């Protein structure tokens, strides 16, 4: 079932993907988001390195931990560049919505590559601030593809 045909009252199944082993602000934002969405009734799962602090903290929040992206999710939300690449390949051809959060405001290395990445491997980009949004636009990511 696509997101367009779902009942507005149907809970979403969201898989968050993060590739970092260290725990920083992006991982805290992921946990805060997942906990909030879970409280609203949406199913949350997380794919991350087994030896990461994020995984330990997610266990404490009782998030569903997975070794790979479940096949029945509606949304795959990636929280790092490497995770975005991996998730795109793992969900290629599957009926999922792909979203990425960009946490950093520095210019992406290789503007052309990032323009292609943020335009064609995801359905939307969440910029955590206006400065991140501006940097993405400067790199050539279409403005209408970015939400703050």
N, C-alpha and C. Protein backbone atom coordinates (compact mmCIF):
# COMPACT_ATOMS: atom_id res chain seq x y z
N UNK A 1 0.86 -1.17 0.00
CA UNK A 1 0.00 0.00 0.00
C UNK A 1 0.90 1.23 0.00
N UNK A 2 0.64 2.18 -0.86
CA UNK A 2 1.44 3.40 -0.89
C UNK A 2 0.98 4.35 0.20
N UNK A 3 1.82 5.32 0.52
CA UNK A 3 1.45 6.30 1.54
C UNK A 3 0.23 7.10 1.11
N UNK A 4 0.04 7.30 -0.19
CA UNK A 4 -1.10 8.07 -0.69
C UNK A 4 -2.43 7.37 -0.44
N UNK A 5 -2.43 6.04 -0.41
CA UNK A 5 -3.68 5.30 -0.26
C UNK A 5 -3.93 4.82 1.16
N UNK A 6 -3.02 5.12 2.07
CA UNK A 6 -3.19 4.72 3.47
C UNK A 6 -4.24 5.59 4.13
N UNK A 7 -4.91 5.02 5.09
CA UNK A 7 -5.83 5.80 5.92
C UNK A 7 -5.01 6.78 6.75
N UNK A 8 -5.51 7.97 6.93
CA UNK A 8 -4.82 8.98 7.73
C UNK A 8 -4.60 8.50 9.16
N UNK A 9 -5.41 7.54 9.61
CA UNK A 9 -5.29 7.03 10.97
C UNK A 9 -4.38 5.80 11.06
N UNK A 10 -3.90 5.30 9.94
CA UNK A 10 -3.03 4.12 9.96
C UNK A 10 -1.63 4.50 10.43
N UNK A 11 -1.10 3.74 11.36
CA UNK A 11 0.27 4.04 11.79
C UNK A 11 1.26 3.71 10.68
N UNK A 12 2.31 4.50 10.62
CA UNK A 12 3.38 4.26 9.65
C UNK A 12 4.41 3.31 10.23
N UNK A 13 5.08 2.59 9.34
CA UNK A 13 6.20 1.72 9.73
C UNK A 13 7.46 2.39 9.20
N UNK A 14 8.27 2.86 10.11
CA UNK A 14 9.44 3.67 9.76
C UNK A 14 10.70 2.96 10.23
N UNK A 15 11.67 2.84 9.33
CA UNK A 15 12.97 2.28 9.68
C UNK A 15 14.00 3.40 9.60
N UNK A 16 14.67 3.65 10.71
CA UNK A 16 15.76 4.63 10.75
C UNK A 16 17.06 3.88 10.51
N UNK A 17 17.96 4.49 9.74
CA UNK A 17 19.24 3.84 9.43
C UNK A 17 20.35 4.84 9.73
N UNK A 18 21.33 4.40 10.51
CA UNK A 18 22.48 5.23 10.84
C UNK A 18 23.72 4.35 10.78
N UNK A 19 24.81 4.88 10.23
CA UNK A 19 26.02 4.07 10.06
C UNK A 19 27.14 4.44 11.03
N UNK A 20 26.91 5.41 11.88
CA UNK A 20 27.98 5.89 12.77
C UNK A 20 28.11 5.03 14.02
N UNK A 21 29.34 4.88 14.47
CA UNK A 21 29.59 4.14 15.72
C UNK A 21 29.62 5.09 16.92
N UNK A 22 30.01 6.33 16.67
CA UNK A 22 30.04 7.33 17.75
C UNK A 22 28.64 7.88 17.98
N UNK A 23 28.43 8.38 19.19
CA UNK A 23 27.15 8.98 19.52
C UNK A 23 27.33 10.48 19.60
N UNK A 24 26.64 11.20 18.70
CA UNK A 24 26.72 12.65 18.66
C UNK A 24 25.31 13.21 18.55
N UNK A 25 25.24 14.47 18.15
CA UNK A 25 23.96 15.15 18.06
C UNK A 25 22.99 14.52 17.07
N UNK A 26 23.50 14.02 15.94
CA UNK A 26 22.63 13.39 14.96
C UNK A 26 21.97 12.12 15.49
N UNK A 27 22.72 11.38 16.29
CA UNK A 27 22.17 10.16 16.87
C UNK A 27 21.15 10.49 17.96
N UNK A 28 21.42 11.56 18.71
CA UNK A 28 20.45 11.99 19.72
C UNK A 28 19.16 12.45 19.04
N UNK A 29 19.30 13.19 17.93
CA UNK A 29 18.11 13.64 17.18
C UNK A 29 17.32 12.44 16.67
N UNK A 30 18.02 11.42 16.19
CA UNK A 30 17.35 10.21 15.71
C UNK A 30 16.54 9.57 16.84
N UNK A 31 17.14 9.41 18.01
CA UNK A 31 16.43 8.79 19.13
C UNK A 31 15.23 9.62 19.57
N UNK A 32 15.41 10.93 19.61
CA UNK A 32 14.31 11.81 20.01
C UNK A 32 13.15 11.70 19.03
N UNK A 33 13.48 11.72 17.73
CA UNK A 33 12.46 11.58 16.70
C UNK A 33 11.75 10.23 16.80
N UNK A 34 12.53 9.15 16.89
CA UNK A 34 11.94 7.81 16.94
C UNK A 34 11.06 7.64 18.18
N UNK A 35 11.50 8.15 19.31
CA UNK A 35 10.69 8.05 20.54
C UNK A 35 9.39 8.83 20.39
N UNK A 36 9.46 10.02 19.80
CA UNK A 36 8.26 10.82 19.59
C UNK A 36 7.28 10.17 18.63
N UNK A 37 7.79 9.63 17.53
CA UNK A 37 6.93 8.95 16.56
C UNK A 37 6.33 7.67 17.15
N UNK A 38 7.12 6.98 17.97
CA UNK A 38 6.61 5.78 18.65
C UNK A 38 5.47 6.15 19.59
N UNK A 39 5.63 7.26 20.31
CA UNK A 39 4.58 7.72 21.23
C UNK A 39 3.30 8.07 20.48
N UNK A 40 3.43 8.46 19.21
CA UNK A 40 2.26 8.78 18.39
C UNK A 40 1.64 7.53 17.76
N UNK A 41 2.25 6.37 17.99
CA UNK A 41 1.69 5.11 17.50
C UNK A 41 2.32 4.57 16.24
N UNK A 42 3.36 5.20 15.74
CA UNK A 42 4.02 4.72 14.53
C UNK A 42 5.10 3.69 14.89
N UNK A 43 5.15 2.59 14.16
CA UNK A 43 6.13 1.54 14.41
C UNK A 43 7.52 2.03 14.01
N UNK A 44 8.48 1.85 14.89
CA UNK A 44 9.85 2.32 14.66
C UNK A 44 10.81 1.14 14.70
N UNK A 45 11.72 1.10 13.75
CA UNK A 45 12.82 0.14 13.82
C UNK A 45 14.10 0.89 13.51
N UNK A 46 15.21 0.31 13.87
CA UNK A 46 16.51 0.96 13.71
C UNK A 46 17.53 -0.04 13.22
N UNK A 47 18.27 0.36 12.19
CA UNK A 47 19.42 -0.40 11.71
C UNK A 47 20.64 0.47 11.97
N UNK A 48 21.58 -0.07 12.74
CA UNK A 48 22.81 0.66 13.06
C UNK A 48 23.88 -0.36 13.43
N UNK A 49 25.13 0.07 13.53
CA UNK A 49 26.19 -0.87 13.90
C UNK A 49 25.92 -1.52 15.26
N UNK A 50 26.19 -2.80 15.35
CA UNK A 50 25.91 -3.55 16.58
C UNK A 50 26.75 -3.09 17.75
N UNK A 51 27.90 -2.48 17.47
CA UNK A 51 28.77 -2.03 18.55
C UNK A 51 28.67 -0.53 18.82
N UNK A 52 27.60 0.09 18.36
CA UNK A 52 27.46 1.54 18.53
C UNK A 52 26.74 1.88 19.83
N UNK A 53 27.04 3.05 20.34
CA UNK A 53 26.33 3.55 21.52
C UNK A 53 24.86 3.81 21.19
N UNK A 54 24.59 4.19 19.94
CA UNK A 54 23.21 4.40 19.51
C UNK A 54 22.39 3.14 19.73
N UNK A 55 22.93 2.00 19.38
CA UNK A 55 22.21 0.73 19.55
C UNK A 55 21.91 0.48 21.02
N UNK A 56 22.87 0.73 21.88
CA UNK A 56 22.66 0.52 23.32
C UNK A 56 21.55 1.43 23.83
N UNK A 57 21.57 2.69 23.42
CA UNK A 57 20.55 3.64 23.88
C UNK A 57 19.17 3.29 23.29
N UNK A 58 19.16 2.80 22.05
CA UNK A 58 17.90 2.41 21.42
C UNK A 58 17.28 1.22 22.14
N UNK A 59 18.13 0.30 22.60
CA UNK A 59 17.63 -0.84 23.38
C UNK A 59 16.94 -0.36 24.65
N UNK A 60 17.53 0.65 25.29
CA UNK A 60 16.95 1.19 26.52
C UNK A 60 15.58 1.82 26.26
N UNK A 61 15.37 2.36 25.04
CA UNK A 61 14.09 2.95 24.67
C UNK A 61 13.11 1.90 24.12
N UNK A 62 13.58 0.67 24.04
CA UNK A 62 12.79 -0.44 23.51
C UNK A 62 12.38 -0.24 22.06
N UNK A 63 13.29 0.31 21.29
CA UNK A 63 13.08 0.39 19.84
C UNK A 63 13.39 -0.97 19.25
N UNK A 64 12.72 -1.31 18.18
CA UNK A 64 12.99 -2.57 17.49
C UNK A 64 14.31 -2.42 16.74
N UNK A 65 15.24 -3.29 17.03
CA UNK A 65 16.55 -3.26 16.38
C UNK A 65 16.59 -4.33 15.30
N UNK A 66 17.11 -3.97 14.15
CA UNK A 66 17.15 -4.90 13.03
C UNK A 66 18.56 -4.92 12.44
N UNK A 67 18.93 -6.04 11.85
CA UNK A 67 20.23 -6.14 11.20
C UNK A 67 20.17 -5.61 9.78
N UNK A 68 18.97 -5.58 9.22
CA UNK A 68 18.78 -5.03 7.88
C UNK A 68 17.40 -4.37 7.81
N UNK A 69 17.17 -3.62 6.76
CA UNK A 69 15.91 -2.89 6.62
C UNK A 69 14.77 -3.89 6.43
N UNK A 70 13.76 -3.85 7.31
CA UNK A 70 12.62 -4.77 7.16
C UNK A 70 11.92 -4.56 5.82
N UNK A 71 11.34 -5.62 5.30
CA UNK A 71 10.71 -5.53 3.98
C UNK A 71 9.35 -4.86 4.00
N UNK A 72 8.76 -4.69 5.18
CA UNK A 72 7.40 -4.17 5.25
C UNK A 72 7.31 -2.71 5.71
N UNK A 73 8.40 -1.95 5.60
CA UNK A 73 8.36 -0.57 6.06
C UNK A 73 7.77 0.36 5.00
N UNK A 74 7.21 1.46 5.47
CA UNK A 74 6.66 2.49 4.59
C UNK A 74 7.71 3.55 4.27
N UNK A 75 8.51 3.89 5.28
CA UNK A 75 9.50 4.96 5.16
C UNK A 75 10.85 4.46 5.65
N UNK A 76 11.88 4.74 4.89
CA UNK A 76 13.26 4.52 5.33
C UNK A 76 13.87 5.89 5.52
N UNK A 77 14.25 6.18 6.75
CA UNK A 77 14.79 7.50 7.11
C UNK A 77 16.26 7.31 7.49
N UNK A 78 17.14 7.82 6.63
CA UNK A 78 18.57 7.70 6.91
C UNK A 78 19.09 8.96 7.58
N UNK A 79 20.11 8.76 8.41
CA UNK A 79 20.62 9.85 9.23
C UNK A 79 22.11 10.09 9.03
N UNK A 80 22.69 9.50 8.00
CA UNK A 80 24.09 9.74 7.66
C UNK A 80 24.28 9.43 6.17
N UNK A 81 25.32 10.01 5.60
CA UNK A 81 25.56 9.83 4.17
C UNK A 81 25.79 8.38 3.77
N UNK A 82 26.62 7.68 4.52
CA UNK A 82 26.89 6.28 4.21
C UNK A 82 25.61 5.45 4.35
N UNK A 83 24.82 5.76 5.37
CA UNK A 83 23.55 5.04 5.56
C UNK A 83 22.61 5.28 4.39
N UNK A 84 22.63 6.49 3.85
CA UNK A 84 21.78 6.81 2.71
C UNK A 84 22.15 5.94 1.51
N UNK A 85 23.44 5.83 1.24
CA UNK A 85 23.89 5.01 0.11
C UNK A 85 23.46 3.56 0.29
N UNK A 86 23.71 3.02 1.48
CA UNK A 86 23.38 1.62 1.76
C UNK A 86 21.87 1.39 1.65
N UNK A 87 21.08 2.28 2.25
CA UNK A 87 19.62 2.12 2.23
C UNK A 87 19.08 2.20 0.81
N UNK A 88 19.62 3.08 0.00
CA UNK A 88 19.14 3.18 -1.38
C UNK A 88 19.35 1.86 -2.11
N UNK A 89 20.55 1.30 -2.01
CA UNK A 89 20.82 0.03 -2.68
C UNK A 89 19.94 -1.10 -2.14
N UNK A 90 19.73 -1.12 -0.83
CA UNK A 90 18.94 -2.21 -0.22
C UNK A 90 17.45 -2.10 -0.49
N UNK A 91 16.99 -0.90 -0.85
CA UNK A 91 15.54 -0.73 -1.09
C UNK A 91 15.22 -0.45 -2.56
N UNK A 92 16.22 -0.51 -3.41
CA UNK A 92 16.01 -0.24 -4.83
C UNK A 92 14.92 -1.14 -5.39
N UNK A 93 13.92 -0.54 -6.01
CA UNK A 93 12.82 -1.29 -6.59
C UNK A 93 11.69 -1.61 -5.61
N UNK A 94 11.86 -1.23 -4.35
CA UNK A 94 10.82 -1.50 -3.35
C UNK A 94 9.95 -0.27 -3.17
N UNK A 95 8.69 -0.47 -2.83
CA UNK A 95 7.75 0.67 -2.69
C UNK A 95 7.87 1.36 -1.33
N UNK A 96 9.00 2.02 -1.10
CA UNK A 96 9.21 2.75 0.15
C UNK A 96 9.48 4.22 -0.16
N UNK A 97 9.21 5.05 0.80
CA UNK A 97 9.59 6.46 0.72
C UNK A 97 10.93 6.57 1.41
N UNK A 98 11.89 7.20 0.73
CA UNK A 98 13.23 7.36 1.29
C UNK A 98 13.44 8.83 1.67
N UNK A 99 13.81 9.05 2.92
CA UNK A 99 14.05 10.39 3.43
C UNK A 99 15.43 10.40 4.08
N UNK A 100 16.15 11.48 3.93
CA UNK A 100 17.45 11.63 4.58
C UNK A 100 17.46 12.92 5.37
N UNK A 101 18.08 12.89 6.54
CA UNK A 101 18.29 14.11 7.30
C UNK A 101 19.74 14.53 7.15
N UNK A 102 19.93 15.78 6.77
CA UNK A 102 21.28 16.36 6.66
C UNK A 102 21.48 17.20 7.91
N UNK A 103 22.47 16.80 8.73
CA UNK A 103 22.71 17.45 10.01
C UNK A 103 23.79 18.51 9.97
N UNK A 104 24.62 18.51 8.94
CA UNK A 104 25.80 19.38 8.93
C UNK A 104 25.70 20.46 7.85
N UNK A 105 26.27 21.62 8.15
CA UNK A 105 26.16 22.77 7.25
C UNK A 105 27.38 22.95 6.35
N UNK A 106 28.39 22.11 6.48
CA UNK A 106 29.54 22.30 5.59
C UNK A 106 29.20 21.83 4.19
N UNK A 107 29.90 22.40 3.22
CA UNK A 107 29.65 22.06 1.81
C UNK A 107 30.01 20.59 1.58
N UNK A 108 29.13 19.86 0.93
CA UNK A 108 29.45 18.47 0.61
C UNK A 108 30.64 18.40 -0.34
N UNK A 109 31.50 17.42 -0.13
CA UNK A 109 32.61 17.20 -1.06
C UNK A 109 32.00 16.66 -2.35
N UNK A 110 32.44 17.19 -3.47
CA UNK A 110 31.91 16.72 -4.74
C UNK A 110 30.48 17.16 -4.97
N UNK A 111 30.29 18.41 -5.31
CA UNK A 111 28.94 18.98 -5.45
C UNK A 111 28.07 18.19 -6.43
N UNK A 112 28.64 17.78 -7.55
CA UNK A 112 27.85 17.05 -8.54
C UNK A 112 27.35 15.72 -7.97
N UNK A 113 28.24 15.00 -7.33
CA UNK A 113 27.86 13.71 -6.75
C UNK A 113 26.76 13.90 -5.70
N UNK A 114 26.91 14.91 -4.85
CA UNK A 114 25.90 15.13 -3.82
C UNK A 114 24.58 15.65 -4.39
N UNK A 115 24.65 16.44 -5.43
CA UNK A 115 23.41 16.89 -6.08
C UNK A 115 22.65 15.68 -6.60
N UNK A 116 23.36 14.76 -7.24
CA UNK A 116 22.72 13.54 -7.74
C UNK A 116 22.20 12.69 -6.58
N UNK A 117 23.01 12.55 -5.55
CA UNK A 117 22.65 11.73 -4.40
C UNK A 117 21.40 12.26 -3.70
N UNK A 118 21.38 13.54 -3.41
CA UNK A 118 20.25 14.12 -2.67
C UNK A 118 19.02 14.36 -3.55
N UNK A 119 19.18 14.24 -4.86
CA UNK A 119 18.05 14.43 -5.76
C UNK A 119 17.43 13.10 -6.18
N UNK A 120 18.27 12.09 -6.42
CA UNK A 120 17.76 10.86 -7.03
C UNK A 120 17.73 9.63 -6.12
N UNK A 121 18.39 9.66 -4.98
CA UNK A 121 18.39 8.46 -4.11
C UNK A 121 17.43 8.60 -2.94
N UNK A 122 16.73 9.72 -2.87
CA UNK A 122 15.76 9.90 -1.79
C UNK A 122 14.60 10.74 -2.29
N UNK A 123 13.49 10.62 -1.60
CA UNK A 123 12.29 11.37 -1.97
C UNK A 123 12.27 12.76 -1.35
N UNK A 124 13.09 12.97 -0.36
CA UNK A 124 13.16 14.28 0.28
C UNK A 124 14.32 14.37 1.23
N UNK A 125 14.77 15.60 1.48
CA UNK A 125 15.87 15.86 2.39
C UNK A 125 15.35 16.76 3.51
N UNK A 126 15.62 16.36 4.73
CA UNK A 126 15.31 17.20 5.88
C UNK A 126 16.60 17.89 6.29
N UNK A 127 16.62 19.20 6.18
CA UNK A 127 17.77 19.99 6.63
C UNK A 127 17.47 20.43 8.06
N UNK A 128 18.43 20.28 8.96
CA UNK A 128 18.16 20.59 10.36
C UNK A 128 18.18 22.09 10.64
N UNK A 129 18.58 22.89 9.66
CA UNK A 129 18.60 24.34 9.85
C UNK A 129 18.56 25.02 8.49
N UNK A 130 18.31 26.32 8.51
CA UNK A 130 18.32 27.10 7.27
C UNK A 130 19.71 27.11 6.64
N UNK A 131 20.75 27.13 7.46
CA UNK A 131 22.11 27.14 6.90
C UNK A 131 22.41 25.83 6.18
N UNK A 132 21.93 24.71 6.71
CA UNK A 132 22.10 23.43 6.02
C UNK A 132 21.31 23.45 4.71
N UNK A 133 20.11 23.96 4.75
CA UNK A 133 19.27 24.07 3.54
C UNK A 133 19.98 24.91 2.48
N UNK A 134 20.49 26.06 2.87
CA UNK A 134 21.18 26.94 1.92
C UNK A 134 22.40 26.26 1.30
N UNK A 135 23.15 25.53 2.12
CA UNK A 135 24.34 24.84 1.62
C UNK A 135 23.94 23.77 0.61
N UNK A 136 22.85 23.06 0.86
CA UNK A 136 22.39 22.05 -0.09
C UNK A 136 21.96 22.69 -1.41
N UNK A 137 21.25 23.82 -1.32
CA UNK A 137 20.82 24.52 -2.53
C UNK A 137 22.04 25.00 -3.31
N UNK A 138 23.04 25.52 -2.61
CA UNK A 138 24.28 25.96 -3.27
C UNK A 138 24.99 24.81 -3.97
N UNK A 139 24.79 23.61 -3.45
CA UNK A 139 25.39 22.42 -4.06
C UNK A 139 24.58 21.89 -5.23
N UNK A 140 23.41 22.50 -5.47
CA UNK A 140 22.61 22.11 -6.62
C UNK A 140 21.42 21.22 -6.32
N UNK A 141 21.15 20.95 -5.04
CA UNK A 141 19.97 20.14 -4.70
C UNK A 141 18.74 21.02 -4.92
N UNK A 142 17.73 20.55 -5.64
CA UNK A 142 16.54 21.36 -5.89
C UNK A 142 15.88 21.81 -4.60
N UNK A 143 15.55 23.08 -4.54
CA UNK A 143 14.95 23.70 -3.35
C UNK A 143 13.69 22.96 -2.90
N UNK A 144 12.85 22.55 -3.86
CA UNK A 144 11.59 21.89 -3.53
C UNK A 144 11.80 20.50 -2.96
N UNK A 145 13.03 19.98 -3.00
CA UNK A 145 13.36 18.65 -2.48
C UNK A 145 13.76 18.71 -1.00
N UNK A 146 13.86 19.93 -0.45
CA UNK A 146 14.41 20.13 0.90
C UNK A 146 13.34 20.73 1.82
N UNK A 147 13.25 20.19 3.02
CA UNK A 147 12.38 20.74 4.06
C UNK A 147 13.26 21.02 5.29
N UNK A 148 12.90 22.06 6.02
CA UNK A 148 13.63 22.39 7.26
C UNK A 148 12.76 22.02 8.44
